[in-house]
């Protein structure tokens, strides 16, 4: 669990660093980001960038849900209590 948590932390840090750089340098010249009518230059396909971000966020959310649930199932409490704790954590997906 320790390495899983640190892996998620590092993966999120790397992903959001790259994502921030993509937003900053999405267009050339950069002014084209907020003024698309500037002649010349080009921009990244924003739809692809947003879909990639959404996919990573879904993966990240599910991973963050699964990571503590592995520990919940090892607790020495009744099954009903384990399910209640898991459902409480699952509310975070809403």
C-alpha atoms as a PDB file:
ATOM      1  CA  UNK A   1       0.000   0.000   0.000  1.00  0.00           C
ATOM      2  CA  UNK A   2       2.885   2.370   0.780  1.00  0.00           C
ATOM      3  CA  UNK A   3       4.409   2.000  -2.689  1.00  0.00           C
ATOM      4  CA  UNK A   4       0.994   2.250  -4.317  1.00  0.00           C
ATOM      5  CA  UNK A   5       0.301   5.555  -2.589  1.00  0.00           C
ATOM      6  CA  UNK A   6       3.689   6.986  -3.512  1.00  0.00           C
ATOM      7  CA  UNK A   7       3.301   5.767  -7.084  1.00  0.00           C
ATOM      8  CA  UNK A   8       0.000   7.639  -7.353  1.00  0.00           C
ATOM      9  CA  UNK A   9       1.550  10.773  -5.855  1.00  0.00           C
ATOM     10  CA  UNK A  10       4.468  10.733  -8.302  1.00  0.00           C
ATOM     11  CA  UNK A  11       2.246   9.846 -11.263  1.00  0.00           C
ATOM     12  CA  UNK A  12      -0.137  12.719 -10.471  1.00  0.00           C
ATOM     13  CA  UNK A  13       2.762  15.146 -10.036  1.00  0.00           C
ATOM     14  CA  UNK A  14       4.310  14.193 -13.368  1.00  0.00           C
ATOM     15  CA  UNK A  15       0.982  14.234 -15.181  1.00  0.00           C
ATOM     16  CA  UNK A  16      -0.075  17.652 -13.909  1.00  0.00           C
ATOM     17  CA  UNK A  17       3.363  19.135 -14.559  1.00  0.00           C
ATOM     18  CA  UNK A  18       3.144  17.973 -18.172  1.00  0.00           C
ATOM     19  CA  UNK A  19      -0.488  19.128 -18.363  1.00  0.00           C
ATOM     20  CA  UNK A  20       0.426  22.599 -17.139  1.00  0.00           C
ATOM     21  CA  UNK A  21       3.211  22.828 -19.714  1.00  0.00           C
ATOM     22  CA  UNK A  22       0.759  21.772 -22.436  1.00  0.00           C
ATOM     23  CA  UNK A  23      -1.654  24.525 -21.436  1.00  0.00           C
ATOM     24  CA  UNK A  24       1.116  27.130 -21.395  1.00  0.00           C
ATOM     25  CA  UNK A  25       2.578  26.105 -24.752  1.00  0.00           C
ATOM     26  CA  UNK A  26      -0.622  24.859 -26.439  1.00  0.00           C
ATOM     27  CA  UNK A  27      -0.428  27.473 -29.164  1.00  0.00           C
ATOM     28  CA  UNK A  28       2.341  29.064 -31.145  1.00  0.00           C
ATOM     29  CA  UNK A  29       2.335  32.086 -30.821  1.00  0.00           C
ATOM     30  CA  UNK A  30       0.964  31.915 -27.260  1.00  0.00           C
ATOM     31  CA  UNK A  31      -1.335  34.881 -27.827  1.00  0.00           C
ATOM     32  CA  UNK A  32      -3.403  32.591 -30.060  1.00  0.00           C
ATOM     33  CA  UNK A  33      -4.660  30.806 -26.908  1.00  0.00           C
ATOM     34  CA  UNK A  34      -6.952  33.712 -25.976  1.00  0.00           C
ATOM     35  CA  UNK A  35      -7.259  35.293 -29.441  1.00  0.00           C
ATOM     36  CA  UNK A  36      -7.855  32.575 -32.050  1.00  0.00           C
ATOM     37  CA  UNK A  37      -8.214  35.181 -34.821  1.00  0.00           C
ATOM     38  CA  UNK A  38      -4.470  35.906 -34.926  1.00  0.00           C
ATOM     39  CA  UNK A  39      -3.314  34.966 -38.435  1.00  0.00           C
ATOM     40  CA  UNK A  40      -0.812  32.131 -38.718  1.00  0.00           C
ATOM     41  CA  UNK A  41       0.367  29.905 -35.944  1.00  0.00           C
ATOM     42  CA  UNK A  42      -1.263  26.743 -34.739  1.00  0.00           C
ATOM     43  CA  UNK A  43      -2.686  25.174 -31.593  1.00  0.00           C
ATOM     44  CA  UNK A  44      -2.938  21.679 -30.181  1.00  0.00           C
ATOM     45  CA  UNK A  45      -6.240  19.871 -30.593  1.00  0.00           C
ATOM     46  CA  UNK A  46      -7.980  20.897 -27.365  1.00  0.00           C
ATOM     47  CA  UNK A  47     -10.504  18.047 -27.637  1.00  0.00           C
ATOM     48  CA  UNK A  48      -7.721  15.460 -27.501  1.00  0.00           C
ATOM     49  CA  UNK A  49      -6.080  17.234 -24.567  1.00  0.00           C
ATOM     50  CA  UNK A  50      -9.374  17.369 -22.625  1.00  0.00           C
ATOM     51  CA  UNK A  51     -10.181  13.715 -23.346  1.00  0.00           C
ATOM     52  CA  UNK A  52      -6.735  12.668 -22.175  1.00  0.00           C
ATOM     53  CA  UNK A  53      -7.159  14.728 -19.008  1.00  0.00           C
ATOM     54  CA  UNK A  54     -10.594  13.223 -18.361  1.00  0.00           C
ATOM     55  CA  UNK A  55      -9.274   9.690 -18.871  1.00  0.00           C
ATOM     56  CA  UNK A  56      -6.400  10.259 -16.479  1.00  0.00           C
ATOM     57  CA  UNK A  57      -8.704  11.820 -13.882  1.00  0.00           C
ATOM     58  CA  UNK A  58     -11.041   8.811 -14.030  1.00  0.00           C
ATOM     59  CA  UNK A  59      -8.068   6.456 -13.642  1.00  0.00           C
ATOM     60  CA  UNK A  60      -6.743   8.523 -10.751  1.00  0.00           C
ATOM     61  CA  UNK A  61     -10.121   8.640  -8.974  1.00  0.00           C
ATOM     62  CA  UNK A  62     -10.663   4.893  -9.271  1.00  0.00           C
ATOM     63  CA  UNK A  63      -7.109   4.201  -8.084  1.00  0.00           C
ATOM     64  CA  UNK A  64      -7.591   6.450  -5.066  1.00  0.00           C
ATOM     65  CA  UNK A  65     -10.803   4.546  -4.268  1.00  0.00           C
ATOM     66  CA  UNK A  66      -9.230   1.104  -4.674  1.00  0.00           C
ATOM     67  CA  UNK A  67      -6.071   1.793  -2.683  1.00  0.00           C
ATOM     68  CA  UNK A  68      -7.679   2.167   0.768  1.00  0.00           C
ATOM     69  CA  UNK A  69     -10.334  -0.455   0.009  1.00  0.00           C
ATOM     70  CA  UNK A  70      -7.590  -3.089  -0.074  1.00  0.00           C
ATOM     71  CA  UNK A  71      -6.841  -2.257   3.552  1.00  0.00           C
ATOM     72  CA  UNK A  72     -10.522  -2.204   4.481  1.00  0.00           C
ATOM     73  CA  UNK A  73     -10.983  -5.835   3.432  1.00  0.00           C
ATOM     74  CA  UNK A  74      -8.111  -6.857   5.745  1.00  0.00           C
ATOM     75  CA  UNK A  75      -9.744  -5.299   8.827  1.00  0.00           C
ATOM     76  CA  UNK A  76     -10.982  -7.616  11.558  1.00  0.00           C
ATOM     77  CA  UNK A  77     -14.542  -6.299  11.563  1.00  0.00           C
ATOM     78  CA  UNK A  78     -17.815  -7.851  10.361  1.00  0.00           C
ATOM     79  CA  UNK A  79     -18.429  -7.942   6.612  1.00  0.00           C
ATOM     80  CA  UNK A  80     -21.365  -5.533   6.912  1.00  0.00           C
ATOM     81  CA  UNK A  81     -19.111  -2.939   8.553  1.00  0.00           C
ATOM     82  CA  UNK A  82     -16.510  -3.358   5.770  1.00  0.00           C
ATOM     83  CA  UNK A  83     -19.175  -2.725   3.137  1.00  0.00           C
ATOM     84  CA  UNK A  84     -20.388   0.356   5.029  1.00  0.00           C
ATOM     85  CA  UNK A  85     -16.862   1.789   5.180  1.00  0.00           C
ATOM     86  CA  UNK A  86     -16.301   1.045   1.489  1.00  0.00           C
ATOM     87  CA  UNK A  87     -19.581   2.743   0.526  1.00  0.00           C
ATOM     88  CA  UNK A  88     -18.632   5.754   2.614  1.00  0.00           C
ATOM     89  CA  UNK A  89     -15.380   6.046   0.658  1.00  0.00           C
ATOM     90  CA  UNK A  90     -17.230   5.458  -2.620  1.00  0.00           C
ATOM     91  CA  UNK A  91     -19.323   8.575  -1.958  1.00  0.00           C
ATOM     92  CA  UNK A  92     -16.219  10.504  -2.973  1.00  0.00           C
ATOM     93  CA  UNK A  93     -16.853   9.465  -6.578  1.00  0.00           C
ATOM     94  CA  UNK A  94     -20.010  11.562  -6.654  1.00  0.00           C
END
